[in-house]
Every structure is written in structure tokens, then in C-alpha cells.
């Protein structure tokens, strides 16, 4: 009887370990390979699809500059990353409702420490493109960046994927790519185009990566200790530095300077074509970020690489924990990647914005809602 009791106990312990520590939060098998089919596609991007000044904050008259104020839609030709169902790249995968707020960002890539990520990339644009990841590990043939690194030509195909071509990138997730000793159970990295980095990112080629600690994620990849996740990129898009700038300027009726040096030297013209966005949307056009009071909410904050990308992210009505400190404002530098945890306790609709004056005036603001 004692032998049978021990056997039953061992089976019970094994079952609990397989399911995970919490009921209803089953674990996942380790060391998985995650394959994503991602294409760069050309689109007409609308920074204001639902209208202007939707947060209702007072807007200084003429803050956008002559020739821009009063325009009902801010649209530009861009290239963005889309996820597809398979290597045929015929069927684009629909974005789940909870991730509609990603906006212009590419598909969310997830993995756990110990996993491998494969991205089958297709260039559907007229540009030369590449994929470069932050934080993860890769061989030289999956770096996706062009420079004199001494590697043979066979290992350089990842750096310049021509129009219509495909390439498979392989990234691994060692311990040093996952949460550190002072981090929460998941952290955020970024992937982006790195052929000509500034132009690639201003054109719209960037996306998020979420990495969870080993054993810390559910089967769907979400961290076990979180109820709701949001990814928000406080990104200043300089449309005068986009690959499609001249096409976009002519479409919107802008007066083009006669040469690139004149364009660069004209700060007024450049300012008229700077878009102060959250996930490529301005003036409250970001879908309403909704959570419940008492939820465990994790915010993944990103910035892109322009010199204007120094941000002070601020939540009204709530506080967050970041880097073991309580705050309601977090500073992001260019290419910053920060995680903040929130336990919302005040119901209502609240403002979420950058506190840098020019950015707030330029439309870098959204709303979030805490429901009962």
C-alpha cells in the first residue's frame, strides 16, 4: 500500500509540474522553434484614420505649421511589416483584437529563454530591405545589417534582400536575451530594417519582440503573471527621411524643395512632416487601451531612432512600477526599450501621452480606460 501511495503522489506532483504552478495556467514545453512569415509591404498609411484631436485636449492654433493645420487626414506612402499564414505569402494573418493597437508596428514576435525564432522574410516592396533584431543572438548570416565586418559574400545575403526576394533569419534566445535579475518575467526588444537604418525606420519598418523567462509563459507565449499587455512605441516619424518622401509630398500637395540639401536645411518644412505618434497614430487615433481595475497590466514601451525621440511617457490617474521604482512618468531615449507594470485602481478614461511639450502639441497622445 505504501508503494502504491508513493506512486500516486509521484504522478500527482508530475501532473502539477506539467500544468504549471497556478490552476488554469498550464505551462509549455521548453526549447521551441517559433516560425514567423513576415513580409515588408507597401501601404498608404493614415496617421489620423478616425479624425483629428480625438483626445479633446486644447490644441494651440497653427502648432503644426502652415499648410498642415486643418488637413483632415495625414497620409503618407510607407512600408510596414505584415505577418502571413505561410511561405506562400498569399494570406495575411489577421491581427487579434487585443493587438489592434500595434498600429504601424510589425507583428509581435514571442519566445521564451531557450527557444529559437525563425523569420521567413519576403520583400514585397520596391526597396532593398533587411531584418535586424536587438537583444537576441544570431550568426553573421542573420544579422541583417550592412557594414565592413569581413564576412564572405555568402554570409551577406541577409543584409540586402532585393525586391521580390526572400530570406530566412534565425535568432536564438539565450539567457542573456531574457529577463535579468532585476527584471519582471518578460522584457521587450525590437526588430527593424537596417539596410539604411534611418530611412528604413522612418519608412515604417519596425516591430516588437517579447521574451519571457524560462518556464514563465503560458502555452500561448504570454507571461503567467500578467493579465493584459500593451506595446506602445513613442515614435517620431520624419517623413522627409522616408524612402517614399518625394512620392508622399507630391500626393499631399506639399511644396518640395529643389534638392535634398535644401530639404534638410529647411527646419520649417521638416517640422511640417514630423509625425509625433504612438504606434504610428496621432491625436487620440490609437485604439482605446482597455483594462479592468485590479488587472495585472504590463506595458512595453519603445522609441525609434530620431533625435526627437526623447520622451517622458505619462499615465494620468495611475502609477506603474519600473526598475523597482514607483512612478507615473518614464523617460525613453532613442531606441529605448522599457517595461512597466501597472495595477490600475481608478476607474475611468485617462490620458496617456508624452510630456515633452512639442510632442504633446504634435499629437503624441492617446486614451486608456480602466473598467470595473
Protein backbone atom coordinates (compact mmCIF):
# COMPACT_ATOMS: atom_id res chain seq x y z
CA UNK A 1 0.00 0.00 0.00
CA UNK A 2 2.84 2.38 0.83
CA UNK A 3 4.40 1.72 -2.59
CA UNK A 4 1.08 2.49 -4.29
CA UNK A 5 0.67 5.71 -2.26
CA UNK A 6 4.15 6.85 -3.26
CA UNK A 7 3.37 6.10 -6.91
CA UNK A 8 0.13 8.10 -6.78
CA UNK A 9 1.92 11.00 -5.08
CA UNK A 10 4.65 11.00 -7.74
CA UNK A 11 2.07 11.07 -10.52
CA UNK A 12 0.24 13.95 -8.81
CA UNK A 13 3.43 16.01 -8.46
CA UNK A 14 4.37 15.38 -12.09
CA UNK A 15 0.89 16.45 -13.23
CA UNK A 16 1.07 19.67 -11.21
CA UNK A 17 4.52 20.46 -12.59
CA UNK A 18 3.33 19.93 -16.15
CA UNK A 19 0.31 22.17 -15.65
CA UNK A 20 2.30 24.94 -14.01
CA UNK A 21 2.09 26.41 -10.54
CA UNK A 22 -1.35 28.02 -10.94
CA UNK A 23 -4.61 26.31 -11.90
CA UNK A 24 -5.68 27.22 -15.42
CA UNK A 25 -2.19 28.45 -16.32
CA UNK A 26 -0.72 25.36 -17.96
CA UNK A 27 2.94 25.50 -18.81
CA UNK A 28 4.56 25.00 -22.21
CA UNK A 29 7.24 22.70 -23.48
CA UNK A 30 10.69 24.26 -23.49
CA UNK A 31 13.19 24.95 -26.29
CA UNK A 32 10.61 25.53 -29.01
CA UNK A 33 11.18 26.79 -32.55
CA UNK A 34 8.83 29.64 -33.49
CA UNK A 35 8.46 30.32 -37.21
CA UNK A 36 7.06 33.63 -38.44
CA UNK A 37 6.27 34.54 -42.05
CA UNK A 38 6.78 38.28 -42.31
CA UNK A 39 6.73 40.48 -45.42
CA UNK A 40 7.55 44.11 -46.00
CA UNK A 41 4.54 45.56 -47.84
CA UNK A 42 3.89 48.97 -49.36
CA UNK A 43 0.83 50.76 -47.93
CA UNK A 44 -0.77 54.18 -47.73
CA UNK A 45 -0.60 54.92 -44.02
CA UNK A 46 -3.12 57.25 -42.34
CA UNK A 47 -1.87 58.72 -39.06
CA UNK A 48 -5.41 60.07 -38.37
CA UNK A 49 -7.87 57.43 -39.67
CA UNK A 50 -10.70 58.49 -37.35
CA UNK A 51 -10.21 62.26 -37.44
CA UNK A 52 -8.25 64.95 -35.65
CA UNK A 53 -7.71 65.88 -31.98
CA UNK A 54 -9.75 62.97 -30.62
CA UNK A 55 -8.46 63.21 -27.04
CA UNK A 56 -10.18 66.58 -26.65
CA UNK A 57 -7.10 68.33 -25.27
CA UNK A 58 -6.77 72.02 -26.29
CA UNK A 59 -4.62 72.37 -29.40
CA UNK A 60 -2.64 75.59 -30.00
CA UNK A 61 -3.75 77.14 -33.26
CA UNK A 62 -1.19 76.71 -36.01
CA UNK A 63 1.03 74.37 -33.97
CA UNK A 64 1.52 72.08 -36.99
CA UNK A 65 2.74 74.84 -39.26
CA UNK A 66 1.25 76.50 -42.32
CA UNK A 67 -0.02 74.09 -44.97
CA UNK A 68 -0.66 71.24 -42.50
CA UNK A 69 -3.18 72.53 -39.96
CA UNK A 70 -6.74 71.71 -40.93
CA UNK A 71 -5.81 68.70 -43.05
CA UNK A 72 -8.42 66.07 -42.13
CA UNK A 73 -6.10 63.14 -42.76
CA UNK A 74 -2.33 62.83 -42.51
CA UNK A 75 -1.48 60.13 -45.06
CA UNK A 76 1.87 59.04 -46.48
CA UNK A 77 3.11 56.09 -48.55
CA UNK A 78 5.07 53.74 -46.29
CA UNK A 79 6.44 50.22 -45.99
CA UNK A 80 5.40 48.13 -43.00
CA UNK A 81 5.85 44.56 -41.76
CA UNK A 82 2.86 42.20 -42.04
CA UNK A 83 2.52 38.59 -40.86
CA UNK A 84 1.37 35.90 -43.29
CA UNK A 85 -0.03 32.40 -42.82
CA UNK A 86 2.74 30.51 -44.61
CA UNK A 87 5.67 30.76 -47.01
CA UNK A 88 3.39 31.36 -49.99
CA UNK A 89 2.72 34.87 -48.63
CA UNK A 90 -0.77 34.81 -50.14
CA UNK A 91 -2.88 35.09 -46.98
CA UNK A 92 -2.15 37.83 -44.47
CA UNK A 93 -2.82 36.75 -40.90
CA UNK A 94 -5.49 38.89 -39.21
CA UNK A 95 -4.30 40.82 -36.18
CA UNK A 96 -6.18 39.78 -32.99
CA UNK A 97 -8.41 42.43 -31.43
CA UNK A 98 -6.21 42.74 -28.35
CA UNK A 99 -3.29 43.71 -30.60
CA UNK A 100 -5.06 46.13 -32.94
CA UNK A 101 -3.35 48.92 -31.01
CA UNK A 102 0.02 47.90 -32.51
CA UNK A 103 -0.89 50.16 -35.41
CA UNK A 104 2.05 50.65 -37.78
CA UNK A 105 4.27 48.21 -35.84
CA UNK A 106 5.08 44.85 -37.36
CA UNK A 107 3.73 41.58 -35.94
CA UNK A 108 4.53 40.75 -32.34
CA UNK A 109 7.25 38.08 -32.07
CA UNK A 110 7.26 35.99 -28.88
CA UNK A 111 9.65 33.46 -27.41
CA UNK A 112 10.92 32.09 -24.11
CA UNK A 113 14.52 31.77 -22.99
CA UNK A 114 15.93 28.66 -24.66
CA UNK A 115 13.76 28.98 -27.78
CA UNK A 116 14.70 29.65 -31.40
CA UNK A 117 12.99 32.15 -33.72
CA UNK A 118 12.93 31.72 -37.48
CA UNK A 119 11.63 34.58 -39.60
CA UNK A 120 10.90 33.75 -43.22
CA UNK A 121 11.07 37.22 -44.72
CA UNK A 122 9.65 38.33 -48.09
CA UNK A 123 10.35 41.74 -49.60
CA UNK A 124 7.18 42.87 -51.38
CA UNK A 125 8.40 46.45 -51.79
CA UNK A 126 10.45 48.25 -54.44
CA UNK A 127 13.15 48.84 -51.82
CA UNK A 128 16.16 46.88 -50.63
CA UNK A 129 15.25 45.61 -47.15
CA UNK A 130 16.60 43.62 -44.23
CA UNK A 131 15.66 42.49 -40.72
CA UNK A 132 17.82 43.25 -37.69
CA UNK A 133 16.98 42.25 -34.11
CA UNK A 134 18.03 43.75 -30.81
CA UNK A 135 18.95 41.60 -27.81
CA UNK A 136 18.72 38.15 -29.38
CA UNK A 137 21.65 36.02 -30.56
CA UNK A 138 22.43 35.42 -34.24
CA UNK A 139 25.18 34.34 -36.59
CA UNK A 140 26.59 36.77 -39.13
CA UNK A 141 24.23 35.45 -41.80
CA UNK A 142 21.22 36.57 -39.72
CA UNK A 143 22.42 39.99 -38.56
CA UNK A 144 20.62 41.95 -41.27
CA UNK A 145 22.99 44.94 -41.23
CA UNK A 146 25.41 46.11 -43.91
CA UNK A 147 28.92 47.16 -42.87
CA UNK A 148 32.54 46.10 -43.34
CA UNK A 149 32.62 43.13 -40.98
CA UNK A 150 34.93 40.92 -43.02
CA UNK A 151 32.38 38.18 -43.62
CA UNK A 152 32.28 36.41 -47.00
CA UNK A 153 29.66 37.35 -49.57
CA UNK A 154 27.68 34.16 -48.87
CA UNK A 155 27.04 35.46 -45.35
CA UNK A 156 25.90 38.90 -46.57
CA UNK A 157 22.63 37.94 -48.28
CA UNK A 158 20.76 38.78 -45.07
CA UNK A 159 21.96 42.39 -45.24
CA UNK A 160 20.30 43.33 -48.53
CA UNK A 161 17.15 41.45 -49.58
CA UNK A 162 16.21 42.81 -53.03
CA UNK A 163 12.64 43.49 -54.18
CA UNK A 164 10.66 40.27 -54.62
CA UNK A 165 13.23 38.09 -52.86
CA UNK A 166 13.01 36.07 -49.62
CA UNK A 167 15.43 35.24 -46.85
CA UNK A 168 15.18 33.21 -43.61
CA UNK A 169 16.66 34.74 -40.46
CA UNK A 170 17.45 32.55 -37.43
CA UNK A 171 17.67 34.11 -33.97
CA UNK A 172 18.22 32.27 -30.70
CA UNK A 173 17.20 33.24 -27.16
CA UNK A 174 19.99 32.53 -24.66
CA UNK A 175 19.77 33.58 -21.01
CA UNK A 176 21.36 36.95 -21.77
CA UNK A 177 18.45 37.74 -24.15
CA UNK A 178 15.85 37.16 -21.43
CA UNK A 179 14.90 38.96 -18.22
CA UNK A 180 17.83 39.81 -15.95
CA UNK A 181 17.93 39.51 -12.14
CA UNK A 182 16.09 42.80 -11.64
CA UNK A 183 13.61 42.42 -14.50
CA UNK A 184 9.99 41.27 -14.49
CA UNK A 185 9.07 37.91 -16.04
CA UNK A 186 9.10 39.34 -19.59
CA UNK A 187 11.01 42.07 -21.40
CA UNK A 188 10.78 43.80 -24.77
CA UNK A 189 13.19 44.03 -27.69
CA UNK A 190 12.77 45.47 -31.17
CA UNK A 191 13.37 44.39 -34.77
CA UNK A 192 13.66 46.80 -37.68
CA UNK A 193 15.06 47.38 -41.14
CA UNK A 194 18.81 48.04 -41.17
CA UNK A 195 19.77 48.47 -44.82
CA UNK A 196 19.85 52.26 -44.38
CA UNK A 197 18.61 52.31 -40.82
CA UNK A 198 17.29 55.87 -40.51
CA UNK A 199 15.36 55.71 -43.77
CA UNK A 200 14.11 52.18 -43.07
CA UNK A 201 12.68 53.14 -39.68
CA UNK A 202 11.20 56.43 -40.86
CA UNK A 203 9.58 54.47 -43.68
CA UNK A 204 7.81 52.30 -41.06
CA UNK A 205 9.88 49.10 -40.82
CA UNK A 206 9.92 48.21 -37.11
CA UNK A 207 8.23 45.77 -34.76
CA UNK A 208 8.27 44.36 -31.18
CA UNK A 209 9.68 41.18 -29.62
CA UNK A 210 8.60 39.95 -26.17
CA UNK A 211 10.85 37.45 -24.37
CA UNK A 212 9.73 35.65 -21.20
CA UNK A 213 11.92 33.94 -18.65
CA UNK A 214 12.40 30.19 -18.94
CA UNK A 215 9.23 28.45 -17.71
CA UNK A 216 7.40 31.75 -17.14
CA UNK A 217 4.98 31.68 -20.08
CA UNK A 218 1.65 30.05 -20.87
CA UNK A 219 1.23 27.87 -23.99
CA UNK A 220 0.25 30.98 -25.99
CA UNK A 221 3.50 32.69 -25.00
CA UNK A 222 2.01 35.26 -22.61
CA UNK A 223 3.68 35.60 -19.19
CA UNK A 224 1.82 33.69 -16.47
CA UNK A 225 1.83 36.58 -14.01
CA UNK A 226 0.21 39.13 -16.36
CA UNK A 227 -3.46 39.62 -17.36
CA UNK A 228 -3.09 42.29 -20.07
CA UNK A 229 -0.19 43.51 -22.21
CA UNK A 230 0.26 46.68 -24.26
CA UNK A 231 3.09 47.60 -26.62
CA UNK A 232 3.42 51.32 -27.31
CA UNK A 233 6.12 52.84 -29.49
CA UNK A 234 6.58 56.57 -28.92
CA UNK A 235 7.91 57.15 -32.41
CA UNK A 236 8.65 60.39 -34.22
CA UNK A 237 8.43 59.62 -37.93
CA UNK A 238 10.43 62.04 -40.06
CA UNK A 239 8.65 61.74 -43.40
CA UNK A 240 11.35 63.84 -45.08
CA UNK A 241 13.72 60.92 -44.34
CA UNK A 242 11.39 58.21 -45.69
CA UNK A 243 12.26 56.26 -48.83
CA UNK A 244 8.90 57.42 -50.22
CA UNK A 245 9.24 61.07 -49.26
CA UNK A 246 9.03 62.67 -52.70
CA UNK A 247 6.05 60.49 -53.69
CA UNK A 248 4.24 61.33 -50.45
CA UNK A 249 4.97 65.04 -50.62
CA UNK A 250 3.57 65.31 -54.13
CA UNK A 251 0.45 63.35 -53.14
CA UNK A 252 -0.29 65.69 -50.22
CA UNK A 253 0.42 68.82 -52.25
CA UNK A 254 3.50 69.86 -50.27
CA UNK A 255 5.95 72.24 -51.89
CA UNK A 256 9.12 70.23 -52.50
CA UNK A 257 12.49 71.94 -52.12
CA UNK A 258 14.59 71.60 -55.26
CA UNK A 259 17.24 69.43 -53.65
CA UNK A 260 17.86 67.17 -50.67
CA UNK A 261 20.33 69.61 -49.03
CA UNK A 262 17.69 72.35 -49.15
CA UNK A 263 15.14 69.98 -47.61
CA UNK A 264 17.48 69.11 -44.78
CA UNK A 265 18.34 72.76 -44.23
CA UNK A 266 14.68 73.88 -44.06
CA UNK A 267 13.54 73.28 -40.45
CA UNK A 268 10.01 74.59 -41.07
CA UNK A 269 9.45 72.20 -43.96
CA UNK A 270 10.86 69.29 -41.96
CA UNK A 271 8.69 70.13 -38.92
CA UNK A 272 5.59 70.08 -41.12
CA UNK A 273 6.43 66.49 -41.97
CA UNK A 274 7.34 65.21 -38.50
CA UNK A 275 4.64 62.92 -37.08
CA UNK A 276 4.65 62.63 -33.29
CA UNK A 277 2.96 59.27 -32.95
CA UNK A 278 2.17 56.38 -30.66
CA UNK A 279 2.37 53.27 -32.84
CA UNK A 280 2.08 55.44 -35.94
CA UNK A 281 -1.16 57.14 -34.83
CA UNK A 282 -1.61 60.67 -33.53
CA UNK A 283 -4.14 62.88 -31.74
CA UNK A 284 -6.02 60.07 -29.99
CA UNK A 285 -6.35 57.74 -33.01
CA UNK A 286 -4.72 54.85 -31.13
CA UNK A 287 -7.47 52.29 -30.34
CA UNK A 288 -8.72 52.74 -26.78
CA UNK A 289 -6.45 50.72 -24.47
CA UNK A 290 -8.86 48.90 -22.15
CA UNK A 291 -8.20 47.02 -18.92
CA UNK A 292 -10.06 46.17 -15.71
CA UNK A 293 -9.49 47.54 -12.24
CA UNK A 294 -7.12 45.21 -10.42
CA UNK A 295 -5.72 43.61 -13.58
CA UNK A 296 -2.01 42.86 -13.73
CA UNK A 297 -1.10 45.05 -16.70
CA UNK A 298 2.31 45.09 -18.37
CA UNK A 299 3.35 47.99 -20.62
CA UNK A 300 6.19 47.53 -23.10
CA UNK A 301 7.49 50.96 -24.11
CA UNK A 302 9.60 51.64 -27.20
CA UNK A 303 11.09 54.62 -29.03
CA UNK A 304 12.55 54.88 -32.51
CA UNK A 305 15.87 56.38 -33.51
CA UNK A 306 15.31 60.05 -34.37
CA UNK A 307 16.99 62.76 -32.30
CA UNK A 308 13.49 63.99 -31.40
CA UNK A 309 12.87 60.62 -29.72
CA UNK A 310 13.48 61.66 -26.13
CA UNK A 311 10.16 61.08 -24.40
CA UNK A 312 8.57 61.32 -20.99
CA UNK A 313 5.78 58.74 -21.04
CA UNK A 314 2.99 59.71 -18.63
CA UNK A 315 -0.17 57.95 -17.43
CA UNK A 316 -2.97 60.01 -15.89
CA UNK A 317 -4.75 58.60 -12.84
CA UNK A 318 -2.48 55.57 -12.27
CA UNK A 319 1.05 54.65 -11.29
CA UNK A 320 3.44 51.96 -12.51
CA UNK A 321 6.42 50.01 -11.24
CA UNK A 322 9.51 50.18 -13.44
CA UNK A 323 13.07 49.32 -12.49
CA UNK A 324 11.79 48.63 -8.94
CA UNK A 325 10.57 52.22 -8.61
CA UNK A 326 7.06 53.68 -8.33
CA UNK A 327 6.34 56.41 -10.86
CA UNK A 328 3.80 57.81 -13.31
CA UNK A 329 6.38 59.06 -15.84
CA UNK A 330 9.14 57.12 -17.59
CA UNK A 331 11.93 58.59 -19.71
CA UNK A 332 12.72 56.96 -23.06
CA UNK A 333 15.77 57.82 -25.14
CA UNK A 334 16.23 56.98 -28.83
CA UNK A 335 15.76 53.21 -29.31
CA UNK A 336 14.74 52.92 -25.67
CA UNK A 337 13.03 49.68 -24.56
CA UNK A 338 11.42 49.72 -21.10
CA UNK A 339 8.88 47.59 -19.20
CA UNK A 340 6.40 48.98 -16.65
CA UNK A 341 3.84 47.08 -14.55
CA UNK A 342 0.51 48.62 -13.53
CA UNK A 343 -2.24 47.54 -11.14
CA UNK A 344 -4.96 50.01 -12.19
CA UNK A 345 -7.10 51.09 -9.26
CA UNK A 346 -9.01 54.16 -10.50
CA UNK A 347 -11.81 53.51 -12.97
CA UNK A 348 -12.44 55.87 -15.84
CA UNK A 349 -10.94 57.07 -19.12
CA UNK A 350 -7.47 58.56 -18.77
CA UNK A 351 -4.92 60.43 -20.88
CA UNK A 352 -1.70 58.66 -21.95
CA UNK A 353 0.88 60.90 -23.59
CA UNK A 354 4.42 62.18 -23.96
CA UNK A 355 5.17 65.10 -21.64
CA UNK A 356 7.71 66.71 -23.99
CA UNK A 357 5.87 69.89 -24.99
CA UNK A 358 6.49 69.71 -28.75
CA UNK A 359 5.45 66.07 -28.81
CA UNK A 360 2.24 66.64 -26.83
CA UNK A 361 1.30 69.56 -29.09
CA UNK A 362 2.18 67.47 -32.13
CA UNK A 363 -0.34 64.77 -31.19
CA UNK A 364 1.64 62.16 -29.23
CA UNK A 365 -1.30 61.32 -27.04
CA UNK A 366 -3.91 58.57 -26.61
CA UNK A 367 -6.57 57.39 -24.14
CA UNK A 368 -6.81 54.32 -21.94
CA UNK A 369 -9.80 53.04 -19.98
CA UNK A 370 -9.99 51.25 -16.65
CA UNK A 371 -13.29 49.35 -16.46
CA UNK A 372 -14.90 47.93 -13.28
